[in-house]
């Protein structure tokens, strides 16, 4: 028996959908620019493209040891302060931490010869020294995020006398183990990075963004846009979506020589875990990390799979080390409701217990 079509109902649904779409377009055209990175902070140091900011305290009792956040080069650090109600940084400040953050800026053609050594031994080193000078402390806590967590582990291993506590978040450490589960790690292993860097000098952020999208093409390029249509007439939902899209598209270009070395030494040769990575003529030995370490990863992370982060605890010399997992993905670690309830309180509690 053939189905009977209710034409009146069908036409009504089409008209309703059309009305909803037009209302959404009208709202988007008139809503202005949803702002991110709004938590108050002050610029205290700048070197080349790198800027160092100090967030203004939000409570009276502040942790005596300052915490420096080191983010990845491939994305912008304001993901941690994306919107007021989903801000890891705001939550950390309200827990009494004294927060500093590095903004890597946007490399241009003149930066193509910046090296991995420069990032570790010059920019991070000078930022740490400035935090120590500004705060009057003799050591810093370091919170390293994603690729910034890799940099943080490297810096800490080379300068353990300057780091009181180390927190790594969704940080790739074991690139060989990561290649077993992560497509990005497989691509990195097979990449002809010499041809890429020689051709571009400065590796375009748009090119890398396209690669990230291809890791989950339907989810990242189609489904998310289809899924938002039903809720796009809600101003708050639309604003949150636009903030996220702006951040995703805000991908800095990469200094070619540093990118070349990061791919070769880490993705392709896994030198950090093997103990053969050299920075400024010094060998990076993860066993020199003897201070307390908190290692956080996302169980559903497709960019930095758990297998790339978990082995860090087995490589270091610390006896006070903790491994914490959350049931979120890479981006969800910063903005999901689960992370807002659990992540910042966990980090703050862990640091306060060791602020002696």
Protein backbone atom coordinates (compact mmCIF):
# COMPACT_ATOMS: atom_id res chain seq x y z
CA UNK A 1 0.00 0.00 0.00
CA UNK A 2 1.50 3.35 -0.99
CA UNK A 3 2.03 6.05 1.62
CA UNK A 4 -0.32 9.03 1.68
CA UNK A 5 1.44 12.38 1.56
CA UNK A 6 0.03 15.14 3.71
CA UNK A 7 0.76 18.09 1.43
CA UNK A 8 -0.57 20.70 3.87
CA UNK A 9 1.74 19.42 6.60
CA UNK A 10 4.71 19.24 4.24
CA UNK A 11 4.20 22.79 2.99
CA UNK A 12 3.78 24.03 6.56
CA UNK A 13 7.07 22.39 7.60
CA UNK A 14 8.91 23.87 4.60
CA UNK A 15 7.58 27.34 5.36
CA UNK A 16 8.49 27.00 9.04
CA UNK A 17 12.03 25.90 8.14
CA UNK A 18 12.36 28.79 5.72
CA UNK A 19 11.17 31.25 8.36
CA UNK A 20 13.61 29.84 10.89
CA UNK A 21 16.47 30.10 8.39
CA UNK A 22 15.66 33.71 7.51
CA UNK A 23 15.38 34.63 11.19
CA UNK A 24 18.79 33.03 11.80
CA UNK A 25 20.37 34.97 8.92
CA UNK A 26 18.85 38.22 10.20
CA UNK A 27 20.12 37.56 13.71
CA UNK A 28 23.64 36.74 12.48
CA UNK A 29 23.81 39.91 10.41
CA UNK A 30 22.87 42.04 13.40
CA UNK A 31 24.48 40.28 16.36
CA UNK A 32 27.91 41.89 16.11
CA UNK A 33 31.21 40.13 16.81
CA UNK A 34 31.12 37.68 19.76
CA UNK A 35 34.30 38.33 21.70
CA UNK A 36 36.78 35.85 23.14
CA UNK A 37 39.86 36.41 25.28
CA UNK A 38 38.06 38.89 27.53
CA UNK A 39 39.55 38.04 30.95
CA UNK A 40 41.57 41.08 32.05
CA UNK A 41 45.33 40.83 31.62
CA UNK A 42 48.38 43.06 31.18
CA UNK A 43 51.23 42.84 28.68
CA UNK A 44 54.45 42.65 30.69
CA UNK A 45 57.03 41.50 28.12
CA UNK A 46 57.46 41.23 24.37
CA UNK A 47 60.18 39.76 22.19
CA UNK A 48 59.76 39.57 18.42
CA UNK A 49 56.24 38.15 17.85
CA UNK A 50 56.02 36.58 21.32
CA UNK A 51 54.09 38.39 24.05
CA UNK A 52 53.84 37.54 27.74
CA UNK A 53 50.68 38.49 29.62
CA UNK A 54 49.84 38.51 33.32
CA UNK A 55 46.20 38.00 34.26
CA UNK A 56 44.78 40.23 36.95
CA UNK A 57 43.87 38.34 40.14
CA UNK A 58 40.19 37.68 40.81
CA UNK A 59 40.49 36.70 44.49
CA UNK A 60 42.39 38.10 47.48
CA UNK A 61 44.34 34.99 48.43
CA UNK A 62 46.66 34.11 45.55
CA UNK A 63 49.02 31.17 45.20
CA UNK A 64 52.59 32.33 45.92
CA UNK A 65 54.09 30.35 43.02
CA UNK A 66 53.09 31.82 39.63
CA UNK A 67 51.81 29.56 36.87
CA UNK A 68 52.97 30.08 33.28
CA UNK A 69 50.75 28.65 30.52
CA UNK A 70 52.60 27.57 27.38
CA UNK A 71 50.23 26.90 24.50
CA UNK A 72 50.81 25.29 21.10
CA UNK A 73 52.20 27.16 18.11
CA UNK A 74 49.58 25.85 15.69
CA UNK A 75 46.54 27.46 17.35
CA UNK A 76 45.79 30.51 19.45
CA UNK A 77 45.97 30.41 23.22
CA UNK A 78 42.62 32.15 23.78
CA UNK A 79 40.88 28.79 23.41
CA UNK A 80 41.47 28.63 27.16
CA UNK A 81 39.45 31.86 27.52
CA UNK A 82 36.97 31.32 24.69
CA UNK A 83 33.92 32.76 26.44
CA UNK A 84 33.18 33.98 29.97
CA UNK A 85 31.10 30.95 30.96
CA UNK A 86 33.58 28.48 29.46
CA UNK A 87 36.98 29.83 30.42
CA UNK A 88 39.61 27.58 31.95
CA UNK A 89 41.70 30.65 32.73
CA UNK A 90 38.88 32.46 34.52
CA UNK A 91 38.21 29.33 36.58
CA UNK A 92 41.89 29.00 37.48
CA UNK A 93 42.03 32.64 38.55
CA UNK A 94 38.94 32.22 40.70
CA UNK A 95 40.70 29.28 42.35
CA UNK A 96 43.49 31.62 43.40
CA UNK A 97 46.21 30.81 40.87
CA UNK A 98 48.53 33.55 39.65
CA UNK A 99 48.38 33.10 35.87
CA UNK A 100 50.76 34.20 33.12
CA UNK A 101 50.43 33.14 29.48
CA UNK A 102 52.57 33.21 26.34
CA UNK A 103 50.98 34.51 23.15
CA UNK A 104 53.17 33.28 20.27
CA UNK A 105 51.70 35.75 17.78
CA UNK A 106 51.73 35.33 14.02
CA UNK A 107 55.05 34.44 12.35
CA UNK A 108 55.80 36.21 9.07
CA UNK A 109 58.41 35.74 6.36
CA UNK A 110 61.18 37.20 8.50
CA UNK A 111 60.63 34.40 11.03
CA UNK A 112 61.19 31.45 8.71
CA UNK A 113 64.61 30.68 10.23
CA UNK A 114 63.46 30.64 13.87
CA UNK A 115 64.46 27.26 15.25
CA UNK A 116 63.16 24.86 17.86
CA UNK A 117 66.15 25.90 19.98
CA UNK A 118 64.97 29.52 19.78
CA UNK A 119 61.52 28.63 21.10
CA UNK A 120 62.93 26.67 24.04
CA UNK A 121 66.17 28.44 24.93
CA UNK A 122 65.23 32.01 24.03
CA UNK A 123 61.49 32.69 24.09
CA UNK A 124 60.39 30.31 26.85
CA UNK A 125 63.55 30.92 28.85
CA UNK A 126 63.10 34.68 28.71
CA UNK A 127 59.40 34.41 29.52
CA UNK A 128 60.15 32.28 32.58
CA UNK A 129 62.80 34.76 33.74
CA UNK A 130 60.35 37.63 33.32
CA UNK A 131 57.68 35.79 35.35
CA UNK A 132 60.24 35.22 38.10
CA UNK A 133 61.26 38.87 38.04
CA UNK A 134 57.68 40.14 38.01
CA UNK A 135 56.44 37.80 40.75
CA UNK A 136 59.51 37.73 42.95
CA UNK A 137 59.30 33.92 43.10
CA UNK A 138 62.30 31.63 42.69
CA UNK A 139 60.43 29.01 40.65
CA UNK A 140 57.37 28.79 38.39
CA UNK A 141 54.64 26.27 37.82
CA UNK A 142 54.35 25.44 34.13
CA UNK A 143 51.09 24.38 32.48
CA UNK A 144 51.87 23.13 28.97
CA UNK A 145 49.01 22.56 26.54
CA UNK A 146 49.12 20.31 23.45
CA UNK A 147 52.36 21.07 21.55
CA UNK A 148 53.06 23.56 24.33
CA UNK A 149 53.10 20.58 26.68
CA UNK A 150 55.85 19.01 24.60
CA UNK A 151 57.80 22.27 24.74
CA UNK A 152 57.17 22.46 28.49
CA UNK A 153 58.52 18.96 29.07
CA UNK A 154 61.63 19.80 27.04
CA UNK A 155 62.19 23.10 28.83
CA UNK A 156 61.62 21.58 32.27
CA UNK A 157 64.03 18.71 31.63
CA UNK A 158 66.71 21.26 30.70
CA UNK A 159 65.89 23.71 33.52
CA UNK A 160 64.52 21.72 36.47
CA UNK A 161 65.88 24.27 38.94
CA UNK A 162 63.37 26.86 37.67
CA UNK A 163 60.22 24.72 37.69
CA UNK A 164 58.35 23.89 40.90
CA UNK A 165 55.49 21.87 39.38
CA UNK A 166 54.75 20.73 35.83
CA UNK A 167 51.28 20.15 34.38
CA UNK A 168 50.89 18.78 30.87
CA UNK A 169 47.51 18.77 29.15
CA UNK A 170 46.72 16.74 25.99
CA UNK A 171 50.46 16.84 25.28
CA UNK A 172 52.15 14.59 22.69
CA UNK A 173 55.23 12.97 24.21
CA UNK A 174 55.60 9.48 22.72
CA UNK A 175 55.13 10.03 18.99
CA UNK A 176 55.71 6.40 18.07
CA UNK A 177 52.95 5.20 20.40
CA UNK A 178 50.73 7.99 19.11
CA UNK A 179 51.14 6.76 15.54
CA UNK A 180 49.45 3.50 16.49
CA UNK A 181 46.15 5.31 17.22
CA UNK A 182 46.38 8.78 15.71
CA UNK A 183 46.05 9.60 12.02
CA UNK A 184 47.84 12.92 12.53
CA UNK A 185 50.85 11.03 13.87
CA UNK A 186 50.80 8.70 10.87
CA UNK A 187 50.74 11.68 8.52
CA UNK A 188 53.57 13.34 10.41
CA UNK A 189 55.64 10.21 10.13
CA UNK A 190 55.17 10.06 6.36
CA UNK A 191 55.40 13.80 5.65
CA UNK A 192 58.07 15.13 3.29
CA UNK A 193 58.63 18.11 5.54
CA UNK A 194 61.78 19.24 3.72
CA UNK A 195 59.84 19.82 0.50
CA UNK A 196 57.07 21.59 2.41
CA UNK A 197 59.36 23.98 4.26
CA UNK A 198 61.66 24.55 1.28
CA UNK A 199 58.63 25.48 -0.84
CA UNK A 200 56.88 27.79 1.63
CA UNK A 201 59.50 28.98 4.12
CA UNK A 202 56.66 29.89 6.45
CA UNK A 203 54.19 26.98 6.50
CA UNK A 204 50.66 28.37 5.94
CA UNK A 205 48.23 27.91 8.80
CA UNK A 206 45.41 27.36 6.28
CA UNK A 207 47.28 24.36 4.89
CA UNK A 208 47.63 22.79 8.33
CA UNK A 209 44.00 23.57 9.12
CA UNK A 210 42.91 21.68 6.03
CA UNK A 211 44.90 18.69 7.24
CA UNK A 212 43.23 18.82 10.66
CA UNK A 213 39.79 18.91 9.00
CA UNK A 214 40.62 15.83 6.96
CA UNK A 215 41.20 13.82 10.14
CA UNK A 216 37.40 13.76 10.63
CA UNK A 217 36.01 15.17 7.35
CA UNK A 218 32.31 14.47 7.87
CA UNK A 219 32.24 15.58 11.50
CA UNK A 220 34.45 18.65 11.09
CA UNK A 221 33.40 19.81 7.61
CA UNK A 222 29.73 18.78 7.22
CA UNK A 223 27.95 17.45 10.29
CA UNK A 224 28.73 20.37 12.57
CA UNK A 225 27.16 22.83 10.11
CA UNK A 226 24.10 20.68 9.57
CA UNK A 227 23.70 20.16 13.30
CA UNK A 228 23.78 23.85 14.15
CA UNK A 229 20.96 24.85 11.77
CA UNK A 230 18.18 23.76 14.13
CA UNK A 231 19.58 25.92 16.93
CA UNK A 232 20.99 28.86 15.04
CA UNK A 233 18.03 31.09 15.85
CA UNK A 234 19.15 31.06 19.50
CA UNK A 235 21.51 34.05 20.02
CA UNK A 236 23.67 32.35 22.66
CA UNK A 237 24.11 29.16 20.62
CA UNK A 238 24.96 31.16 17.51
CA UNK A 239 27.48 33.33 19.37
CA UNK A 240 29.21 30.29 20.86
CA UNK A 241 29.39 28.63 17.46
CA UNK A 242 30.90 31.73 15.85
CA UNK A 243 33.49 32.06 18.61
CA UNK A 244 34.58 28.48 18.00
CA UNK A 245 34.69 28.89 14.22
CA UNK A 246 36.75 32.06 14.53
CA UNK A 247 39.26 30.25 16.74
CA UNK A 248 39.46 27.26 14.38
CA UNK A 249 40.16 29.52 11.40
CA UNK A 250 42.61 31.68 13.36
CA UNK A 251 45.61 29.44 12.68
CA UNK A 252 49.03 31.13 12.65
CA UNK A 253 51.58 30.27 10.01
CA UNK A 254 54.55 28.24 11.24
CA UNK A 255 58.22 29.23 11.31
CA UNK A 256 59.64 26.83 8.75
CA UNK A 257 62.85 25.68 10.42
CA UNK A 258 61.21 25.05 13.77
CA UNK A 259 58.40 23.15 12.06
CA UNK A 260 60.90 21.08 10.06
CA UNK A 261 62.75 20.06 13.21
CA UNK A 262 59.60 19.34 15.20
CA UNK A 263 58.33 16.98 12.51
CA UNK A 264 61.67 15.25 11.95
CA UNK A 265 62.94 14.93 15.51
CA UNK A 266 59.63 14.14 17.17
CA UNK A 267 56.99 12.81 14.78
CA UNK A 268 59.46 10.89 12.64
CA UNK A 269 62.31 9.94 14.98
CA UNK A 270 60.64 10.13 18.42
CA UNK A 271 63.83 11.56 19.89
CA UNK A 272 62.27 12.98 23.05
CA UNK A 273 61.29 9.57 24.42
CA UNK A 274 64.45 7.93 23.09
CA UNK A 275 66.61 10.44 24.95
CA UNK A 276 68.42 11.67 21.85
CA UNK A 277 66.80 15.09 21.37
CA UNK A 278 69.27 17.97 21.58
CA UNK A 279 68.44 21.62 22.23
CA UNK A 280 71.23 24.18 22.17
CA UNK A 281 73.82 21.40 22.26
CA UNK A 282 72.29 19.83 25.39
CA UNK A 283 70.64 16.42 25.45
CA UNK A 284 67.07 16.42 26.78
CA UNK A 285 66.74 13.72 29.45
CA UNK A 286 63.16 13.35 30.71
CA UNK A 287 64.48 11.64 33.85
CA UNK A 288 65.73 15.06 34.93
CA UNK A 289 62.09 16.01 35.52
CA UNK A 290 61.98 15.21 39.25
CA UNK A 291 59.45 17.79 40.46
CA UNK A 292 55.73 16.92 40.86
CA UNK A 293 53.98 16.25 37.55
CA UNK A 294 50.28 16.20 36.65
CA UNK A 295 49.64 14.62 33.24
CA UNK A 296 46.12 15.19 31.83
CA UNK A 297 44.71 13.63 28.67
CA UNK A 298 41.38 13.22 26.89
CA UNK A 299 40.03 9.74 26.43
CA UNK A 300 38.35 10.73 23.14
CA UNK A 301 41.19 12.89 21.79
CA UNK A 302 41.67 12.27 18.05
CA UNK A 303 44.49 14.81 17.64
CA UNK A 304 46.68 13.65 20.55
CA UNK A 305 45.52 10.12 21.36
CA UNK A 306 45.96 8.85 24.92
CA UNK A 307 48.79 6.57 23.81
CA UNK A 308 50.90 9.63 22.98
CA UNK A 309 50.44 11.24 26.42
CA UNK A 310 50.27 8.39 28.93
CA UNK A 311 53.90 7.18 28.57
CA UNK A 312 55.22 10.52 29.85
CA UNK A 313 54.81 9.39 33.46
CA UNK A 314 57.02 6.38 32.83
CA UNK A 315 59.78 8.49 31.29
CA UNK A 316 60.29 11.04 34.07
CA UNK A 317 62.27 10.86 37.29
CA UNK A 318 59.54 12.28 39.52
CA UNK A 319 58.08 10.19 42.33
CA UNK A 320 55.16 12.60 42.77
CA UNK A 321 53.30 12.10 39.49
CA UNK A 322 49.65 11.73 38.65
CA UNK A 323 47.84 10.69 35.47
CA UNK A 324 44.30 12.04 34.99
CA UNK A 325 41.86 11.25 32.18
CA UNK A 326 38.65 13.02 31.22
CA UNK A 327 35.99 11.60 28.86
CA UNK A 328 36.41 14.41 26.33
CA UNK A 329 38.11 15.14 23.04
CA UNK A 330 40.95 17.54 22.32
CA UNK A 331 38.82 20.70 22.10
CA UNK A 332 36.37 19.45 24.68
CA UNK A 333 39.17 19.55 27.22
CA UNK A 334 38.90 23.36 27.16
CA UNK A 335 35.23 24.10 26.52
CA UNK A 336 33.03 21.12 27.41
CA UNK A 337 30.72 21.35 30.41
CA UNK A 338 32.56 18.37 31.92
CA UNK A 339 35.91 20.12 31.77
CA UNK A 340 34.49 23.34 33.21
CA UNK A 341 33.28 21.44 36.25
CA UNK A 342 36.35 19.26 36.74
CA UNK A 343 39.50 20.45 34.97
CA UNK A 344 40.34 23.82 36.54
CA UNK A 345 39.37 22.72 40.08
CA UNK A 346 41.60 19.66 39.73
CA UNK A 347 44.60 21.69 38.51
CA UNK A 348 44.14 24.35 41.19
CA UNK A 349 43.73 21.83 44.00
CA UNK A 350 46.79 19.89 42.83
CA UNK A 351 48.94 23.06 42.70
CA UNK A 352 47.71 24.45 46.03
CA UNK A 353 48.65 21.21 47.80
CA UNK A 354 52.22 21.67 46.61
CA UNK A 355 52.49 25.43 47.13
CA UNK A 356 54.81 25.20 50.12
